Amino acid sequence: MQACKDIICLTRKICSICVEAICNYERVSGELGDMPEYYMASRVFDRLGEEHPMTLETNSSQLWEWNKAQIGRTGTGGTTSGNDYDKFKETVGTARCDLVIYKLTCPTDERNKANFLALVEFKKWERSESDVRKTEVLLKDITCCPYGICVGFVDNGWEGYLDKMRDAARQRRHRFIRGKEMASPLNILNGPRKYQAFAEIICNNNHPYFHYKPTTI
């Protein structure tokens, strides 16, 4: 499926940008491993913004409104009502999505009419399982968004950690992506240290594309 190939390619780009962000922050700040978490989302926003419309730190209420607007615009993606919104807010509270990526249906579309592509979460160092759960909960009601992406990074001292993350993703029937390795610019002073970003791709089985044929990629 082309859509699946596209999201895998995009996720690999995000992983590459994240690990470059870590190394760039260390090079500029001189601080080893002390990069603020939001810096990854900001770098992806800056680097891929010409390819896809994006928003940073998008709250759950805004996601709901845009999902409702896309349903009205496209006629697909589910239904909404005031009661549904009350349940949604009760479940997700004030949750925010680190980065939302959208996709234009054609190059001439206005950016405010772009459709959802992926909800993205970033985690500094160990990726929390709560990020995966939060993304799954959001996708249950943000029915127009086909994918979720949860990104983390490790260094080469975390032996076996990526295998653990891969196995956990497979148990959830999600796709696991390993990004490229990059050496820390401070490794001369602190010993050989390499970083690697990784990601878990979640297919939204509530999206019309997957609803009648739940799948993994």
C-alpha atoms as a PDB file:
ATOM      1  CA  MET A   1       0.000   0.000   0.000  1.00  0.00           C
ATOM      2  CA  GLN A   2       1.456   3.347  -1.060  1.00  0.00           C
ATOM      3  CA  ALA A   3       0.093   5.123   2.012  1.00  0.00           C
ATOM      4  CA  CYS A   4       2.007   2.736   4.254  1.00  0.00           C
ATOM      5  CA  LYS A   5       5.209   3.209   2.265  1.00  0.00           C
ATOM      6  CA  ASP A   6       4.802   6.982   2.535  1.00  0.00           C
ATOM      7  CA  ILE A   7       4.370   6.964   6.327  1.00  0.00           C
ATOM      8  CA  ILE A   8       7.370   4.673   6.782  1.00  0.00           C
ATOM      9  CA  CYS A   9       9.493   6.988   4.640  1.00  0.00           C
ATOM     10  CA  LEU A  10       8.271  10.032   6.595  1.00  0.00           C
ATOM     11  CA  THR A  11       8.982   8.332   9.920  1.00  0.00           C
ATOM     12  CA  ARG A  12      12.533   7.508   8.836  1.00  0.00           C
ATOM     13  CA  LYS A  13      13.026  11.186   7.975  1.00  0.00           C
ATOM     14  CA  ILE A  14      11.712  12.204  11.398  1.00  0.00           C
ATOM     15  CA  CYS A  15      14.105   9.787  13.129  1.00  0.00           C
ATOM     16  CA  SER A  16      17.052  11.163  11.132  1.00  0.00           C
ATOM     17  CA  ILE A  17      16.139  14.758  11.994  1.00  0.00           C
ATOM     18  CA  CYS A  18      15.734  13.900  15.690  1.00  0.00           C
ATOM     19  CA  VAL A  19      19.167  12.318  16.028  1.00  0.00           C
ATOM     20  CA  GLU A  20      20.694  15.220  14.096  1.00  0.00           C
ATOM     21  CA  ALA A  21      18.924  17.567  16.529  1.00  0.00           C
ATOM     22  CA  ILE A  22      20.527  15.826  19.515  1.00  0.00           C
ATOM     23  CA  CYS A  23      24.000  16.147  18.022  1.00  0.00           C
ATOM     24  CA  ASN A  24      23.432  19.737  16.935  1.00  0.00           C
ATOM     25  CA  TYR A  25      22.225  20.757  20.389  1.00  0.00           C
ATOM     26  CA  GLU A  26      25.298  19.231  22.013  1.00  0.00           C
ATOM     27  CA  ARG A  27      27.599  20.892  19.494  1.00  0.00           C
ATOM     28  CA  VAL A  28      26.084  24.342  20.107  1.00  0.00           C
ATOM     29  CA  SER A  29      25.435  24.131  23.866  1.00  0.00           C
ATOM     30  CA  GLY A  30      28.324  21.942  24.964  1.00  0.00           C
ATOM     31  CA  GLU A  31      25.864  20.015  27.158  1.00  0.00           C
ATOM     32  CA  LEU A  32      25.967  16.247  26.828  1.00  0.00           C
ATOM     33  CA  GLY A  33      22.528  14.619  26.639  1.00  0.00           C
ATOM     34  CA  ASP A  34      20.713  17.627  28.123  1.00  0.00           C
ATOM     35  CA  MET A  35      18.602  18.629  25.100  1.00  0.00           C
ATOM     36  CA  PRO A  36      15.067  19.901  25.909  1.00  0.00           C
ATOM     37  CA  GLU A  37      12.424  17.495  24.623  1.00  0.00           C
ATOM     38  CA  TYR A  38      10.572  20.125  22.598  1.00  0.00           C
ATOM     39  CA  TYR A  39      13.689  20.757  20.492  1.00  0.00           C
ATOM     40  CA  MET A  40      13.069  17.566  18.486  1.00  0.00           C
ATOM     41  CA  ALA A  41       9.564  18.626  17.479  1.00  0.00           C
ATOM     42  CA  SER A  42      10.803  22.116  16.587  1.00  0.00           C
ATOM     43  CA  ARG A  43      13.557  20.730  14.335  1.00  0.00           C
ATOM     44  CA  VAL A  44      11.119  18.417  12.529  1.00  0.00           C
ATOM     45  CA  PHE A  45       8.696  21.334  12.124  1.00  0.00           C
ATOM     46  CA  ASP A  46      11.463  23.460  10.607  1.00  0.00           C
ATOM     47  CA  ARG A  47      12.959  20.806   8.345  1.00  0.00           C
ATOM     48  CA  LEU A  48       9.796  19.165   6.979  1.00  0.00           C
ATOM     49  CA  GLY A  49       7.452  22.147   7.028  1.00  0.00           C
ATOM     50  CA  GLU A  50       7.820  22.710   3.285  1.00  0.00           C
ATOM     51  CA  GLU A  51       6.680  19.145   2.596  1.00  0.00           C
ATOM     52  CA  HIS A  52       3.712  19.028   4.982  1.00  0.00           C
ATOM     53  CA  PRO A  53       1.624  21.537   6.936  1.00  0.00           C
ATOM     54  CA  MET A  54       2.247  21.049  10.675  1.00  0.00           C
ATOM     55  CA  THR A  55       1.221  22.410  14.059  1.00  0.00           C
ATOM     56  CA  LEU A  56       3.128  22.252  17.348  1.00  0.00           C
ATOM     57  CA  GLU A  57       1.687  21.587  20.819  1.00  0.00           C
ATOM     58  CA  THR A  58      -1.885  21.146  19.574  1.00  0.00           C
ATOM     59  CA  ASN A  59      -4.468  20.694  22.320  1.00  0.00           C
ATOM     60  CA  SER A  60      -7.208  18.081  22.314  1.00  0.00           C
ATOM     61  CA  SER A  61     -10.028  20.598  21.781  1.00  0.00           C
ATOM     62  CA  GLN A  62      -8.382  21.888  18.617  1.00  0.00           C
ATOM     63  CA  LEU A  63      -7.827  18.338  17.354  1.00  0.00           C
ATOM     64  CA  TRP A  64     -11.526  17.633  17.893  1.00  0.00           C
ATOM     65  CA  GLU A  65     -12.591  20.772  16.010  1.00  0.00           C
ATOM     66  CA  TRP A  66     -10.296  20.054  13.073  1.00  0.00           C
ATOM     67  CA  ASN A  67     -11.453  16.439  12.965  1.00  0.00           C
ATOM     68  CA  LYS A  68     -15.063  17.648  12.869  1.00  0.00           C
ATOM     69  CA  ALA A  69     -14.186  20.127  10.099  1.00  0.00           C
ATOM     70  CA  GLN A  70     -12.522  17.409   8.022  1.00  0.00           C
ATOM     71  CA  ILE A  71     -15.548  15.146   8.384  1.00  0.00           C
ATOM     72  CA  GLY A  72     -17.739  17.986   7.131  1.00  0.00           C
ATOM     73  CA  ARG A  73     -15.345  18.797   4.310  1.00  0.00           C
ATOM     74  CA  THR A  74     -14.745  15.247   3.049  1.00  0.00           C
ATOM     75  CA  GLY A  75     -17.889  13.426   4.168  1.00  0.00           C
ATOM     76  CA  THR A  76     -15.801  10.628   5.690  1.00  0.00           C
ATOM     77  CA  GLY A  77     -14.173   9.894   9.028  1.00  0.00           C
ATOM     78  CA  GLY A  78     -17.093   9.241  11.370  1.00  0.00           C
ATOM     79  CA  THR A  79     -19.628  11.391  13.167  1.00  0.00           C
ATOM     80  CA  THR A  80     -19.463  13.842  16.045  1.00  0.00           C
ATOM     81  CA  SER A  81     -21.926  15.216  18.576  1.00  0.00           C
ATOM     82  CA  GLY A  82     -21.867  17.293  21.716  1.00  0.00           C
ATOM     83  CA  ASN A  83     -22.242  14.192  23.871  1.00  0.00           C
ATOM     84  CA  ASP A  84     -19.340  12.524  22.073  1.00  0.00           C
ATOM     85  CA  TYR A  85     -17.202  15.585  22.775  1.00  0.00           C
ATOM     86  CA  ASP A  86     -18.029  15.465  26.468  1.00  0.00           C
ATOM     87  CA  LYS A  87     -16.875  11.849  26.610  1.00  0.00           C
ATOM     88  CA  PHE A  88     -13.771  12.703  24.608  1.00  0.00           C
ATOM     89  CA  LYS A  89     -12.775  15.505  26.995  1.00  0.00           C
ATOM     90  CA  GLU A  90     -13.488  13.308  29.991  1.00  0.00           C
ATOM     91  CA  THR A  91     -11.120  10.688  28.573  1.00  0.00           C
ATOM     92  CA  VAL A  92      -8.248  12.838  27.263  1.00  0.00           C
ATOM     93  CA  GLY A  93      -8.556  15.900  29.507  1.00  0.00           C
ATOM     94  CA  THR A  94      -6.118  18.644  28.493  1.00  0.00           C
ATOM     95  CA  ALA A  95      -3.796  16.345  26.547  1.00  0.00           C
ATOM     96  CA  ARG A  96      -1.617  18.010  23.919  1.00  0.00           C
ATOM     97  CA  CYS A  97      -0.021  16.461  20.866  1.00  0.00           C
ATOM     98  CA  ASP A  98       3.657  17.419  20.411  1.00  0.00           C
ATOM     99  CA  LEU A  99       3.379  17.669  16.614  1.00  0.00           C
ATOM    100  CA  VAL A 100       0.518  17.181  14.160  1.00  0.00           C
ATOM    101  CA  ILE A 101       1.364  16.522  10.515  1.00  0.00           C
ATOM    102  CA  TYR A 102      -1.184  17.169   7.772  1.00  0.00           C
ATOM    103  CA  LYS A 103      -1.352  16.286   4.097  1.00  0.00           C
ATOM    104  CA  LEU A 104      -2.649  18.428   1.251  1.00  0.00           C
ATOM    105  CA  THR A 105      -4.817  16.521  -1.209  1.00  0.00           C
ATOM    106  CA  CYS A 106      -3.238  18.530  -4.019  1.00  0.00           C
ATOM    107  CA  PRO A 107      -0.509  21.243  -4.168  1.00  0.00           C
ATOM    108  CA  THR A 108      -3.032  24.027  -4.832  1.00  0.00           C
ATOM    109  CA  ASP A 109      -5.052  23.361  -1.655  1.00  0.00           C
ATOM    110  CA  GLU A 110      -5.159  26.010   1.031  1.00  0.00           C
ATOM    111  CA  ARG A 111      -3.170  24.887   4.059  1.00  0.00           C
ATOM    112  CA  ASN A 112      -6.113  25.340   6.408  1.00  0.00           C
ATOM    113  CA  LYS A 113      -7.928  22.667   4.386  1.00  0.00           C
ATOM    114  CA  ALA A 114      -5.198  20.057   4.762  1.00  0.00           C
ATOM    115  CA  ASN A 115      -6.237  16.649   6.079  1.00  0.00           C
ATOM    116  CA  PHE A 116      -4.720  14.854   9.070  1.00  0.00           C
ATOM    117  CA  LEU A 117      -1.761  12.562   8.416  1.00  0.00           C
ATOM    118  CA  ALA A 118      -0.163  11.758  11.800  1.00  0.00           C
ATOM    119  CA  LEU A 119      -0.136  12.647  15.485  1.00  0.00           C
ATOM    120  CA  VAL A 120       3.476  12.621  16.694  1.00  0.00           C
ATOM    121  CA  GLU A 121       4.875  12.317  20.231  1.00  0.00           C
ATOM    122  CA  PHE A 122       8.540  12.795  21.182  1.00  0.00           C
ATOM    123  CA  LYS A 123      10.248  11.449  24.279  1.00  0.00           C
ATOM    124  CA  LYS A 124      13.682  12.385  25.572  1.00  0.00           C
ATOM    125  CA  TRP A 125      15.638   9.218  26.303  1.00  0.00           C
ATOM    126  CA  GLU A 126      13.429   6.341  27.384  1.00  0.00           C
ATOM    127  CA  ARG A 127      10.165   6.415  25.468  1.00  0.00           C
ATOM    128  CA  SER A 128       7.266   6.119  27.870  1.00  0.00           C
ATOM    129  CA  GLU A 129       4.558   3.550  27.212  1.00  0.00           C
ATOM    130  CA  SER A 130       2.124   6.279  28.254  1.00  0.00           C
ATOM    131  CA  ASP A 131       2.936   8.136  25.003  1.00  0.00           C
ATOM    132  CA  VAL A 132       1.729   5.140  23.003  1.00  0.00           C
ATOM    133  CA  ARG A 133      -1.423   4.835  25.107  1.00  0.00           C
ATOM    134  CA  LYS A 134      -2.135   8.573  24.860  1.00  0.00           C
ATOM    135  CA  THR A 135      -1.764   8.469  21.083  1.00  0.00           C
ATOM    136  CA  GLU A 136      -4.033   5.421  20.800  1.00  0.00           C
ATOM    137  CA  VAL A 137      -6.689   7.144  22.950  1.00  0.00           C
ATOM    138  CA  LEU A 138      -6.542  10.308  20.830  1.00  0.00           C
ATOM    139  CA  LEU A 139      -6.751   8.351  17.572  1.00  0.00           C
ATOM    140  CA  LYS A 140      -9.871   6.560  18.780  1.00  0.00           C
ATOM    141  CA  ASP A 141     -11.822   9.842  18.453  1.00  0.00           C
ATOM    142  CA  ILE A 142      -9.649  11.765  15.985  1.00  0.00           C
ATOM    143  CA  THR A 143     -10.992   9.388  13.365  1.00  0.00           C
ATOM    144  CA  CYS A 144      -9.754  11.369  10.358  1.00  0.00           C
ATOM    145  CA  CYS A 145      -6.105  10.845  11.306  1.00  0.00           C
ATOM    146  CA  PRO A 146      -4.723   7.587   9.871  1.00  0.00           C
ATOM    147  CA  TYR A 147      -1.486   7.332  11.860  1.00  0.00           C
ATOM    148  CA  GLY A 148       0.257   7.969  15.160  1.00  0.00           C
ATOM    149  CA  ILE A 149       4.054   8.101  15.524  1.00  0.00           C
ATOM    150  CA  CYS A 150       5.874   7.824  18.873  1.00  0.00           C
ATOM    151  CA  VAL A 151       9.559   8.767  18.723  1.00  0.00           C
ATOM    152  CA  GLY A 152      12.376   8.271  21.217  1.00  0.00           C
ATOM    153  CA  PHE A 153      16.176   8.045  21.210  1.00  0.00           C
ATOM    154  CA  VAL A 154      18.923   6.119  22.971  1.00  0.00           C
ATOM    155  CA  ASP A 155      22.704   6.009  23.062  1.00  0.00           C
ATOM    156  CA  ASN A 156      24.894   2.997  22.470  1.00  0.00           C
ATOM    157  CA  GLY A 157      25.196   2.361  26.196  1.00  0.00           C
ATOM    158  CA  TRP A 158      21.577   1.165  26.364  1.00  0.00           C
ATOM    159  CA  GLU A 159      22.348  -2.360  25.237  1.00  0.00           C
ATOM    160  CA  GLY A 160      19.223  -4.353  24.383  1.00  0.00           C
ATOM    161  CA  TYR A 161      16.822  -1.429  24.843  1.00  0.00           C
ATOM    162  CA  LEU A 162      15.907  -1.105  21.161  1.00  0.00           C
ATOM    163  CA  ASP A 163      15.187  -4.841  20.987  1.00  0.00           C
ATOM    164  CA  LYS A 164      12.856  -4.422  23.963  1.00  0.00           C
ATOM    165  CA  MET A 165      11.056  -1.518  22.249  1.00  0.00           C
ATOM    166  CA  ARG A 166      10.798  -3.484  18.980  1.00  0.00           C
ATOM    167  CA  ASP A 167       9.288  -6.498  20.718  1.00  0.00           C
ATOM    168  CA  ALA A 168       6.777  -4.318  22.591  1.00  0.00           C
ATOM    169  CA  ALA A 169       5.725  -2.635  19.328  1.00  0.00           C
ATOM    170  CA  ARG A 170       5.262  -5.982  17.608  1.00  0.00           C
ATOM    171  CA  GLN A 171       3.094  -7.247  20.451  1.00  0.00           C
ATOM    172  CA  ARG A 172       0.848  -4.221  19.861  1.00  0.00           C
ATOM    173  CA  ARG A 173       0.909  -4.967  16.108  1.00  0.00           C
ATOM    174  CA  HIS A 174       2.636  -1.667  15.407  1.00  0.00           C
ATOM    175  CA  ARG A 175       5.534  -1.025  13.045  1.00  0.00           C
ATOM    176  CA  PHE A 176       8.938  -0.373  14.644  1.00  0.00           C
ATOM    177  CA  ILE A 177      11.490   1.865  12.889  1.00  0.00           C
ATOM    178  CA  ARG A 178      15.187   2.237  13.736  1.00  0.00           C
ATOM    179  CA  GLY A 179      16.828   5.455  12.586  1.00  0.00           C
ATOM    180  CA  LYS A 180      20.460   5.964  11.653  1.00  0.00           C
ATOM    181  CA  GLU A 181      23.218   6.240  14.242  1.00  0.00           C
ATOM    182  CA  MET A 182      25.211   9.430  14.715  1.00  0.00           C
ATOM    183  CA  ALA A 183      28.255  10.050  16.899  1.00  0.00           C
ATOM    184  CA  SER A 184      28.017  12.677  19.609  1.00  0.00           C
ATOM    185  CA  PRO A 185      30.149  15.754  18.817  1.00  0.00           C
ATOM    186  CA  LEU A 186      31.354  15.615  22.443  1.00  0.00           C
ATOM    187  CA  ASN A 187      32.468  11.983  22.308  1.00  0.00           C
ATOM    188  CA  ILE A 188      36.157  12.939  22.247  1.00  0.00           C
ATOM    189  CA  LEU A 189      35.850  14.274  25.784  1.00  0.00           C
ATOM    190  CA  ASN A 190      33.347  11.753  27.086  1.00  0.00           C
ATOM    191  CA  GLY A 191      34.202   8.523  25.333  1.00  0.00           C
ATOM    192  CA  PRO A 192      32.648   6.958  22.207  1.00  0.00           C
ATOM    193  CA  ARG A 193      28.936   7.741  22.295  1.00  0.00           C
ATOM    194  CA  LYS A 194      26.449   7.289  19.475  1.00  0.00           C
ATOM    195  CA  TYR A 195      22.785   8.201  19.363  1.00  0.00           C
ATOM    196  CA  GLN A 196      19.986   6.423  17.550  1.00  0.00           C
ATOM    197  CA  ALA A 197      16.385   7.555  17.167  1.00  0.00           C
ATOM    198  CA  PHE A 198      13.541   5.056  16.883  1.00  0.00           C
ATOM    199  CA  ALA A 199       9.799   5.190  16.353  1.00  0.00           C
ATOM    200  CA  GLU A 200       6.605   3.182  16.655  1.00  0.00           C
ATOM    201  CA  ILE A 201       3.970   3.686  13.949  1.00  0.00           C
ATOM    202  CA  ILE A 202       0.342   3.187  14.987  1.00  0.00           C
ATOM    203  CA  CYS A 203      -2.343   2.540  12.355  1.00  0.00           C
ATOM    204  CA  ASN A 204      -5.650   4.097  13.388  1.00  0.00           C
ATOM    205  CA  ASN A 205      -8.208   1.336  12.922  1.00  0.00           C
ATOM    206  CA  ASN A 206     -10.962   3.928  13.446  1.00  0.00           C
ATOM    207  CA  HIS A 207      -9.901   5.713  10.248  1.00  0.00           C
ATOM    208  CA  PRO A 208     -11.937   4.829   7.129  1.00  0.00           C
ATOM    209  CA  TYR A 209      -8.792   3.515   5.387  1.00  0.00           C
ATOM    210  CA  PHE A 210      -8.292   0.841   8.039  1.00  0.00           C
ATOM    211  CA  HIS A 211     -11.716   0.576   9.684  1.00  0.00           C
ATOM    212  CA  TYR A 212     -12.948  -2.437   7.735  1.00  0.00           C
ATOM    213  CA  LYS A 213      -9.542  -4.043   7.366  1.00  0.00           C
ATOM    214  CA  PRO A 214      -7.496  -3.562  10.541  1.00  0.00           C
ATOM    215  CA  THR A 215      -3.872  -3.900   9.590  1.00  0.00           C
ATOM    216  CA  THR A 216      -0.252  -3.418  10.499  1.00  0.00           C
ATOM    217  CA  ILE A 217       2.490  -1.996   8.308  1.00  0.00           C
END
